[in-house]
Amino acid sequence: MDLLVTSTGIVILLTIVIHPVPSSALLCRQCFSLIGWEDCERAARDNLCTAQGVSSSHQGWLHDNPSLLVGNHSRFSCFKYVALVNRHNDKGLVKAYGRGCTFAINDFCEGWKPSVAVKSCNVCSDRDMCNGGFRNCHPSIGIVSLLLVSALMYQQ
């Protein structure tokens, strides 16, 4: 019986390691602020990227960046940027801070009109929450740890 439990645990462990979560399922930090990163973080949320969500965001930015794609694309990246934005009001240029999801086939940091002066911009897709936040490990790590602890407890 112990051999069966141990063997089953090893098979499950190997399955998780060999077949990780698909790369198209990317979790990004999402926020926007005209005040600063701390203000952005207060309203931030972890967002699973979807074609509908990215298309909706891009639709709102097309006036400032006509190169952003809208559609049913399946691979995503996270972005993080700081830009000076001309809001055409009495405040003149305003600094904007943002994080979110974009399509991997897009170059989110390029194509902005002169009214948006991008000061810093990074795009990443190597892991969940690569644009900020606290989830820096692959979800499989938690599952593997749970399985190992369960197997050790069962053997005692």
N, C-alpha and C. Protein backbone atom coordinates (compact mmCIF):
# COMPACT_ATOMS: atom_id res chain seq x y z
N MET A 1 0.82 -1.19 0.00
CA MET A 1 0.00 0.00 0.00
C MET A 1 0.87 1.26 0.00
N ASP A 2 1.92 1.30 0.86
CA ASP A 2 2.80 2.46 0.91
C ASP A 2 3.49 2.69 -0.43
N LEU A 3 3.87 1.60 -1.09
CA LEU A 3 4.53 1.70 -2.39
C LEU A 3 3.57 2.30 -3.41
N LEU A 4 2.29 1.91 -3.35
CA LEU A 4 1.28 2.43 -4.27
C LEU A 4 1.08 3.93 -4.07
N VAL A 5 0.98 4.37 -2.82
CA VAL A 5 0.80 5.79 -2.51
C VAL A 5 2.01 6.58 -2.97
N THR A 6 3.21 6.09 -2.68
CA THR A 6 4.43 6.77 -3.09
C THR A 6 4.53 6.84 -4.61
N SER A 7 4.22 5.73 -5.29
CA SER A 7 4.27 5.70 -6.75
C SER A 7 3.26 6.67 -7.35
N THR A 8 2.05 6.69 -6.78
CA THR A 8 1.02 7.61 -7.27
C THR A 8 1.46 9.06 -7.09
N GLY A 9 2.05 9.36 -5.93
CA GLY A 9 2.54 10.71 -5.67
C GLY A 9 3.61 11.12 -6.66
N ILE A 10 4.51 10.22 -6.97
CA ILE A 10 5.59 10.51 -7.93
C ILE A 10 5.02 10.75 -9.32
N VAL A 11 4.04 9.94 -9.73
CA VAL A 11 3.42 10.12 -11.05
C VAL A 11 2.72 11.48 -11.13
N ILE A 12 1.98 11.85 -10.08
CA ILE A 12 1.30 13.15 -10.07
C ILE A 12 2.33 14.27 -10.11
N LEU A 13 3.38 14.16 -9.32
CA LEU A 13 4.44 15.15 -9.29
C LEU A 13 5.07 15.33 -10.67
N LEU A 14 5.42 14.24 -11.31
CA LEU A 14 6.02 14.30 -12.65
C LEU A 14 5.06 14.90 -13.67
N THR A 15 3.78 14.57 -13.56
CA THR A 15 2.78 15.12 -14.48
C THR A 15 2.72 16.63 -14.37
N ILE A 16 2.75 17.14 -13.15
CA ILE A 16 2.69 18.59 -12.93
C ILE A 16 3.94 19.26 -13.47
N VAL A 17 5.09 18.69 -13.20
CA VAL A 17 6.35 19.29 -13.65
C VAL A 17 6.48 19.24 -15.17
N ILE A 18 6.09 18.12 -15.78
CA ILE A 18 6.23 17.97 -17.22
C ILE A 18 5.17 18.76 -17.98
N HIS A 19 3.98 18.90 -17.43
CA HIS A 19 2.88 19.60 -18.10
C HIS A 19 2.47 20.83 -17.29
N PRO A 20 3.27 21.89 -17.32
CA PRO A 20 2.92 23.08 -16.54
C PRO A 20 1.72 23.80 -17.15
N VAL A 21 1.26 24.83 -16.45
CA VAL A 21 0.16 25.66 -16.94
C VAL A 21 0.55 26.22 -18.30
N PRO A 22 -0.36 26.24 -19.29
CA PRO A 22 -0.03 26.74 -20.62
C PRO A 22 0.50 28.17 -20.57
N SER A 23 1.46 28.48 -21.44
CA SER A 23 2.08 29.81 -21.43
C SER A 23 1.09 30.90 -21.82
N SER A 24 0.01 30.55 -22.50
CA SER A 24 -0.95 31.56 -22.90
C SER A 24 -1.79 32.03 -21.72
N ALA A 25 -1.83 31.27 -20.63
CA ALA A 25 -2.58 31.66 -19.44
C ALA A 25 -1.63 32.46 -18.55
N LEU A 26 -1.59 33.77 -18.75
CA LEU A 26 -0.64 34.63 -18.04
C LEU A 26 -1.39 35.51 -17.05
N LEU A 27 -0.84 35.62 -15.86
CA LEU A 27 -1.40 36.47 -14.82
C LEU A 27 -0.53 37.71 -14.71
N CYS A 28 -1.14 38.88 -14.85
CA CYS A 28 -0.40 40.15 -14.77
C CYS A 28 -1.02 41.04 -13.70
N ARG A 29 -0.19 41.90 -13.13
CA ARG A 29 -0.67 42.92 -12.20
C ARG A 29 -1.32 44.00 -13.04
N GLN A 30 -2.47 44.53 -12.60
CA GLN A 30 -3.17 45.56 -13.37
C GLN A 30 -3.51 46.73 -12.47
N CYS A 31 -3.08 47.93 -12.89
CA CYS A 31 -3.44 49.15 -12.17
C CYS A 31 -3.14 50.36 -13.05
N PHE A 32 -3.68 51.51 -12.65
CA PHE A 32 -3.42 52.77 -13.34
C PHE A 32 -3.52 53.89 -12.31
N SER A 33 -2.62 54.87 -12.41
CA SER A 33 -2.66 56.01 -11.50
C SER A 33 -2.04 57.24 -12.15
N LEU A 34 -2.56 58.40 -11.80
CA LEU A 34 -1.95 59.67 -12.19
C LEU A 34 -1.19 60.28 -11.02
N ILE A 35 -1.03 59.51 -9.93
CA ILE A 35 -0.35 60.00 -8.73
C ILE A 35 1.01 59.34 -8.55
N GLY A 36 1.07 58.02 -8.57
CA GLY A 36 2.34 57.32 -8.38
C GLY A 36 2.13 55.82 -8.24
N TRP A 37 3.24 55.07 -8.09
CA TRP A 37 3.16 53.61 -7.99
C TRP A 37 2.43 53.16 -6.74
N GLU A 38 2.61 53.86 -5.61
CA GLU A 38 1.91 53.47 -4.38
C GLU A 38 0.40 53.58 -4.57
N ASP A 39 -0.05 54.65 -5.20
CA ASP A 39 -1.48 54.82 -5.47
C ASP A 39 -1.96 53.75 -6.44
N CYS A 40 -1.15 53.45 -7.43
CA CYS A 40 -1.49 52.40 -8.40
C CYS A 40 -1.68 51.07 -7.68
N GLU A 41 -0.76 50.74 -6.77
CA GLU A 41 -0.81 49.47 -6.04
C GLU A 41 -2.05 49.35 -5.16
N ARG A 42 -2.51 50.49 -4.61
CA ARG A 42 -3.71 50.45 -3.75
C ARG A 42 -4.93 49.95 -4.51
N ALA A 43 -5.00 50.25 -5.79
CA ALA A 43 -6.15 49.84 -6.60
C ALA A 43 -5.83 48.64 -7.49
N ALA A 44 -4.64 48.07 -7.33
CA ALA A 44 -4.19 46.99 -8.22
C ALA A 44 -4.94 45.69 -7.98
N ARG A 45 -4.98 44.89 -9.03
CA ARG A 45 -5.53 43.54 -8.91
C ARG A 45 -4.73 42.62 -9.81
N ASP A 46 -4.77 41.34 -9.48
CA ASP A 46 -4.13 40.33 -10.32
C ASP A 46 -5.13 39.96 -11.40
N ASN A 47 -4.69 40.01 -12.64
CA ASN A 47 -5.60 39.85 -13.77
C ASN A 47 -5.12 38.72 -14.69
N LEU A 48 -5.98 37.72 -14.92
CA LEU A 48 -5.69 36.68 -15.89
C LEU A 48 -5.96 37.26 -17.27
N CYS A 49 -4.95 37.33 -18.11
CA CYS A 49 -5.09 37.95 -19.43
C CYS A 49 -6.06 37.15 -20.31
N THR A 50 -6.95 37.88 -20.98
CA THR A 50 -7.87 37.29 -21.95
C THR A 50 -7.89 38.16 -23.18
N ALA A 51 -8.25 37.59 -24.32
CA ALA A 51 -8.33 38.35 -25.57
C ALA A 51 -9.36 39.46 -25.44
N GLN A 52 -10.48 39.19 -24.80
CA GLN A 52 -11.53 40.19 -24.64
C GLN A 52 -11.06 41.35 -23.77
N GLY A 53 -10.39 41.04 -22.66
CA GLY A 53 -9.90 42.09 -21.77
C GLY A 53 -8.83 42.96 -22.41
N VAL A 54 -7.88 42.33 -23.11
CA VAL A 54 -6.81 43.09 -23.78
C VAL A 54 -7.40 43.93 -24.91
N SER A 55 -8.29 43.37 -25.69
CA SER A 55 -8.91 44.11 -26.80
C SER A 55 -9.67 45.33 -26.27
N SER A 56 -10.36 45.16 -25.16
CA SER A 56 -11.09 46.27 -24.56
C SER A 56 -10.14 47.38 -24.12
N SER A 57 -9.04 47.02 -23.47
CA SER A 57 -8.04 48.01 -23.06
C SER A 57 -7.42 48.70 -24.27
N HIS A 58 -7.01 47.91 -25.25
CA HIS A 58 -6.38 48.47 -26.45
C HIS A 58 -7.34 49.41 -27.18
N GLN A 59 -8.62 49.05 -27.21
CA GLN A 59 -9.63 49.89 -27.87
C GLN A 59 -9.62 51.30 -27.27
N GLY A 60 -9.49 51.37 -25.95
CA GLY A 60 -9.45 52.67 -25.27
C GLY A 60 -8.19 53.47 -25.54
N TRP A 61 -7.11 52.80 -25.94
CA TRP A 61 -5.84 53.48 -26.20
C TRP A 61 -5.57 53.72 -27.68
N LEU A 62 -6.41 53.25 -28.56
CA LEU A 62 -6.13 53.36 -30.01
C LEU A 62 -5.93 54.80 -30.46
N HIS A 63 -6.60 55.75 -29.83
CA HIS A 63 -6.42 57.16 -30.20
C HIS A 63 -4.98 57.61 -29.95
N ASP A 64 -4.38 57.11 -28.87
CA ASP A 64 -3.00 57.48 -28.52
C ASP A 64 -1.95 56.55 -29.10
N ASN A 65 -2.35 55.31 -29.44
CA ASN A 65 -1.41 54.35 -30.02
C ASN A 65 -2.15 53.47 -31.03
N PRO A 66 -2.19 53.91 -32.30
CA PRO A 66 -2.92 53.16 -33.32
C PRO A 66 -2.28 51.81 -33.68
N SER A 67 -1.08 51.53 -33.17
CA SER A 67 -0.43 50.25 -33.50
C SER A 67 -0.90 49.10 -32.60
N LEU A 68 -1.65 49.41 -31.54
CA LEU A 68 -2.13 48.35 -30.64
C LEU A 68 -3.18 47.51 -31.35
N LEU A 69 -3.03 46.19 -31.26
CA LEU A 69 -3.94 45.28 -31.94
C LEU A 69 -5.17 44.98 -31.09
N VAL A 70 -6.28 44.76 -31.79
CA VAL A 70 -7.52 44.34 -31.18
C VAL A 70 -7.91 43.05 -31.88
N GLY A 71 -8.41 42.06 -31.14
CA GLY A 71 -8.81 40.83 -31.80
C GLY A 71 -8.78 39.63 -30.88
N ASN A 72 -8.71 38.47 -31.49
CA ASN A 72 -8.79 37.22 -30.75
C ASN A 72 -7.43 36.52 -30.74
N HIS A 73 -6.42 37.18 -30.22
CA HIS A 73 -5.08 36.60 -30.14
C HIS A 73 -4.97 35.78 -28.85
N SER A 74 -4.09 34.79 -28.85
CA SER A 74 -4.08 33.85 -27.73
C SER A 74 -2.82 33.89 -26.86
N ARG A 75 -1.83 34.68 -27.22
CA ARG A 75 -0.60 34.75 -26.41
C ARG A 75 -0.48 36.17 -25.85
N PHE A 76 -0.04 36.24 -24.59
CA PHE A 76 -0.07 37.51 -23.88
C PHE A 76 1.28 37.88 -23.28
N SER A 77 1.42 39.15 -22.94
CA SER A 77 2.56 39.68 -22.20
C SER A 77 2.02 40.64 -21.15
N CYS A 78 2.82 40.88 -20.12
CA CYS A 78 2.50 41.89 -19.12
C CYS A 78 3.28 43.15 -19.46
N PHE A 79 2.74 44.32 -19.13
CA PHE A 79 3.47 45.56 -19.35
C PHE A 79 3.48 46.38 -18.07
N LYS A 80 4.48 47.28 -18.00
CA LYS A 80 4.60 48.25 -16.92
C LYS A 80 5.19 49.51 -17.54
N TYR A 81 4.53 50.66 -17.35
CA TYR A 81 5.02 51.88 -17.99
C TYR A 81 4.82 53.11 -17.12
N VAL A 82 5.61 54.14 -17.43
CA VAL A 82 5.44 55.49 -16.91
C VAL A 82 5.49 56.40 -18.12
N ALA A 83 4.53 57.31 -18.22
CA ALA A 83 4.48 58.21 -19.38
C ALA A 83 3.98 59.58 -18.95
N LEU A 84 4.44 60.59 -19.66
CA LEU A 84 3.87 61.93 -19.52
C LEU A 84 2.77 62.06 -20.56
N VAL A 85 1.57 62.41 -20.10
CA VAL A 85 0.41 62.45 -20.98
C VAL A 85 -0.14 63.86 -21.00
N ASN A 86 -0.40 64.38 -22.20
CA ASN A 86 -1.01 65.70 -22.35
C ASN A 86 -2.53 65.52 -22.32
N ARG A 87 -3.15 65.94 -21.24
CA ARG A 87 -4.60 65.78 -21.06
C ARG A 87 -5.38 66.96 -21.64
N HIS A 88 -4.71 67.90 -22.27
CA HIS A 88 -5.35 69.07 -22.90
C HIS A 88 -6.26 69.80 -21.92
N ASN A 89 -5.77 69.99 -20.71
CA ASN A 89 -6.51 70.78 -19.74
C ASN A 89 -5.54 71.74 -19.07
N ASP A 90 -5.96 72.40 -18.04
CA ASP A 90 -5.10 73.39 -17.40
C ASP A 90 -3.91 72.77 -16.65
N LYS A 91 -3.87 71.46 -16.49
CA LYS A 91 -2.76 70.81 -15.78
C LYS A 91 -1.57 70.52 -16.69
N GLY A 92 -1.72 70.65 -18.00
CA GLY A 92 -0.63 70.37 -18.92
C GLY A 92 -0.28 68.90 -18.93
N LEU A 93 1.02 68.59 -18.85
CA LEU A 93 1.47 67.20 -18.85
C LEU A 93 1.25 66.56 -17.48
N VAL A 94 0.73 65.35 -17.50
CA VAL A 94 0.46 64.60 -16.28
C VAL A 94 1.23 63.28 -16.37
N LYS A 95 1.84 62.87 -15.26
CA LYS A 95 2.56 61.59 -15.25
C LYS A 95 1.56 60.47 -14.99
N ALA A 96 1.61 59.44 -15.84
CA ALA A 96 0.71 58.28 -15.71
C ALA A 96 1.53 57.03 -15.42
N TYR A 97 1.03 56.20 -14.52
CA TYR A 97 1.67 54.94 -14.13
C TYR A 97 0.69 53.81 -14.42
N GLY A 98 1.17 52.76 -15.08
CA GLY A 98 0.25 51.68 -15.38
C GLY A 98 0.91 50.32 -15.53
N ARG A 99 0.10 49.29 -15.25
CA ARG A 99 0.48 47.89 -15.44
C ARG A 99 -0.73 47.17 -16.01
N GLY A 100 -0.48 46.10 -16.78
CA GLY A 100 -1.59 45.31 -17.27
C GLY A 100 -1.17 44.27 -18.28
N CYS A 101 -2.16 43.80 -19.05
CA CYS A 101 -1.96 42.76 -20.07
C CYS A 101 -1.97 43.37 -21.46
N THR A 102 -1.20 42.77 -22.35
CA THR A 102 -1.22 43.12 -23.76
C THR A 102 -1.02 41.84 -24.57
N PHE A 103 -1.18 41.93 -25.87
CA PHE A 103 -0.93 40.76 -26.72
C PHE A 103 0.57 40.62 -26.94
N ALA A 104 1.07 39.39 -26.95
CA ALA A 104 2.50 39.14 -27.14
C ALA A 104 2.97 39.59 -28.52
N ILE A 105 2.09 39.58 -29.51
CA ILE A 105 2.50 39.98 -30.87
C ILE A 105 2.59 41.49 -31.02
N ASN A 106 2.15 42.23 -30.02
CA ASN A 106 2.22 43.69 -30.01
C ASN A 106 3.53 44.14 -29.41
N ASP A 107 4.03 45.29 -29.83
CA ASP A 107 5.12 45.94 -29.10
C ASP A 107 4.47 47.10 -28.36
N PHE A 108 3.99 46.82 -27.16
CA PHE A 108 3.21 47.79 -26.39
C PHE A 108 3.96 49.10 -26.19
N CYS A 109 5.27 49.05 -26.04
CA CYS A 109 6.05 50.24 -25.72
C CYS A 109 6.29 51.16 -26.91
N GLU A 110 5.98 50.72 -28.10
CA GLU A 110 6.21 51.52 -29.31
C GLU A 110 4.88 51.98 -29.92
N GLY A 111 4.95 52.99 -30.78
CA GLY A 111 3.79 53.42 -31.55
C GLY A 111 2.94 54.50 -30.91
N TRP A 112 3.37 55.03 -29.78
CA TRP A 112 2.58 56.05 -29.11
C TRP A 112 2.73 57.40 -29.81
N LYS A 113 1.65 58.16 -29.89
CA LYS A 113 1.68 59.49 -30.49
C LYS A 113 2.48 60.44 -29.60
N PRO A 114 2.91 61.59 -30.16
CA PRO A 114 3.72 62.54 -29.38
C PRO A 114 3.03 63.06 -28.12
N SER A 115 1.71 63.00 -28.05
CA SER A 115 0.99 63.46 -26.85
C SER A 115 1.21 62.52 -25.65
N VAL A 116 1.82 61.35 -25.91
CA VAL A 116 2.16 60.40 -24.84
C VAL A 116 3.67 60.18 -24.88
N ALA A 117 4.39 60.84 -23.96
CA ALA A 117 5.84 60.70 -23.90
C ALA A 117 6.19 59.57 -22.94
N VAL A 118 6.47 58.39 -23.48
CA VAL A 118 6.78 57.22 -22.65
C VAL A 118 8.17 57.41 -22.03
N LYS A 119 8.23 57.41 -20.70
CA LYS A 119 9.49 57.59 -19.98
C LYS A 119 10.17 56.26 -19.66
N SER A 120 9.38 55.27 -19.33
CA SER A 120 9.91 53.92 -19.13
C SER A 120 8.80 52.93 -19.46
N CYS A 121 9.20 51.82 -20.06
CA CYS A 121 8.21 50.82 -20.47
C CYS A 121 8.90 49.46 -20.58
N ASN A 122 8.32 48.47 -19.94
CA ASN A 122 8.84 47.10 -20.00
C ASN A 122 7.70 46.15 -20.33
N VAL A 123 8.02 45.13 -21.11
CA VAL A 123 7.06 44.08 -21.43
C VAL A 123 7.73 42.75 -21.09
N CYS A 124 6.98 41.84 -20.50
CA CYS A 124 7.54 40.55 -20.11
C CYS A 124 6.47 39.47 -20.23
N SER A 125 6.93 38.24 -20.37
CA SER A 125 5.99 37.12 -20.42
C SER A 125 6.63 35.84 -19.88
N ASP A 126 7.74 35.98 -19.17
CA ASP A 126 8.48 34.81 -18.71
C ASP A 126 7.86 34.12 -17.50
N ARG A 127 7.00 34.81 -16.74
CA ARG A 127 6.35 34.20 -15.58
C ARG A 127 5.15 35.06 -15.18
N ASP A 128 4.25 34.47 -14.41
CA ASP A 128 3.12 35.22 -13.88
C ASP A 128 3.62 36.38 -13.03
N MET A 129 2.92 37.49 -13.07
CA MET A 129 3.19 38.67 -12.27
C MET A 129 4.57 39.27 -12.53
N CYS A 130 5.11 39.08 -13.72
CA CYS A 130 6.45 39.60 -14.03
C CYS A 130 6.47 41.12 -14.08
N ASN A 131 5.30 41.77 -14.12
CA ASN A 131 5.26 43.23 -14.16
C ASN A 131 5.00 43.83 -12.78
N GLY A 132 5.19 43.05 -11.73
CA GLY A 132 5.00 43.54 -10.37
C GLY A 132 4.11 42.61 -9.59
N GLY A 133 3.98 42.86 -8.32
CA GLY A 133 3.17 41.99 -7.48
C GLY A 133 4.05 41.03 -6.72
N PHE A 134 3.43 40.04 -6.13
CA PHE A 134 4.15 39.18 -5.21
C PHE A 134 4.20 37.73 -5.62
N ARG A 135 3.58 37.35 -6.69
CA ARG A 135 3.53 35.95 -7.10
C ARG A 135 4.67 35.71 -8.09
N ASN A 136 5.83 35.32 -7.59
CA ASN A 136 7.01 35.14 -8.43
C ASN A 136 7.32 33.70 -8.76
N CYS A 137 6.54 32.75 -8.27
CA CYS A 137 6.83 31.37 -8.57
C CYS A 137 5.71 30.76 -9.40
N HIS A 138 6.03 29.70 -10.06
CA HIS A 138 5.06 28.99 -10.90
C HIS A 138 4.01 28.35 -10.00
N PRO A 139 2.71 28.36 -10.39
CA PRO A 139 1.67 27.75 -9.56
C PRO A 139 1.95 26.29 -9.22
N SER A 140 2.68 25.59 -10.06
CA SER A 140 2.98 24.17 -9.81
C SER A 140 3.80 23.98 -8.54
N ILE A 141 4.60 24.97 -8.16
CA ILE A 141 5.45 24.85 -6.98
C ILE A 141 4.59 24.61 -5.73
N GLY A 142 3.50 25.35 -5.60
CA GLY A 142 2.62 25.18 -4.45
C GLY A 142 1.99 23.80 -4.43
N ILE A 143 1.56 23.31 -5.57
CA ILE A 143 0.93 21.99 -5.67
C ILE A 143 1.95 20.90 -5.34
N VAL A 144 3.15 21.03 -5.88
CA VAL A 144 4.21 20.04 -5.62
C VAL A 144 4.52 20.00 -4.12
N SER A 145 4.64 21.17 -3.50
CA SER A 145 4.93 21.22 -2.06
C SER A 145 3.83 20.54 -1.26
N LEU A 146 2.58 20.80 -1.62
CA LEU A 146 1.45 20.18 -0.93
C LEU A 146 1.47 18.66 -1.07
N LEU A 147 1.77 18.18 -2.27
CA LEU A 147 1.84 16.73 -2.49
C LEU A 147 2.96 16.09 -1.68
N LEU A 148 4.11 16.73 -1.63
CA LEU A 148 5.23 16.17 -0.88
C LEU A 148 4.93 16.11 0.61
N VAL A 149 4.33 17.17 1.15
CA VAL A 149 3.98 17.18 2.57
C VAL A 149 2.94 16.10 2.86
N SER A 150 1.95 15.97 1.98
CA SER A 150 0.92 14.93 2.16
C SER A 150 1.54 13.54 2.15
N ALA A 151 2.45 13.29 1.23
CA ALA A 151 3.09 11.97 1.13
C ALA A 151 3.91 11.68 2.39
N LEU A 152 4.63 12.67 2.89
CA LEU A 152 5.43 12.48 4.10
C LEU A 152 4.54 12.22 5.32
N MET A 153 3.44 12.94 5.42
CA MET A 153 2.53 12.75 6.56
C MET A 153 1.88 11.37 6.50
N TYR A 154 1.55 10.92 5.30
CA TYR A 154 0.87 9.63 5.15
C TYR A 154 1.79 8.47 5.53
N GLN A 155 3.08 8.63 5.27
CA GLN A 155 4.04 7.55 5.55
C GLN A 155 4.31 7.41 7.04
N GLN A 156 4.03 8.41 7.83
CA GLN A 156 4.33 8.35 9.27
C GLN A 156 3.32 7.57 10.03
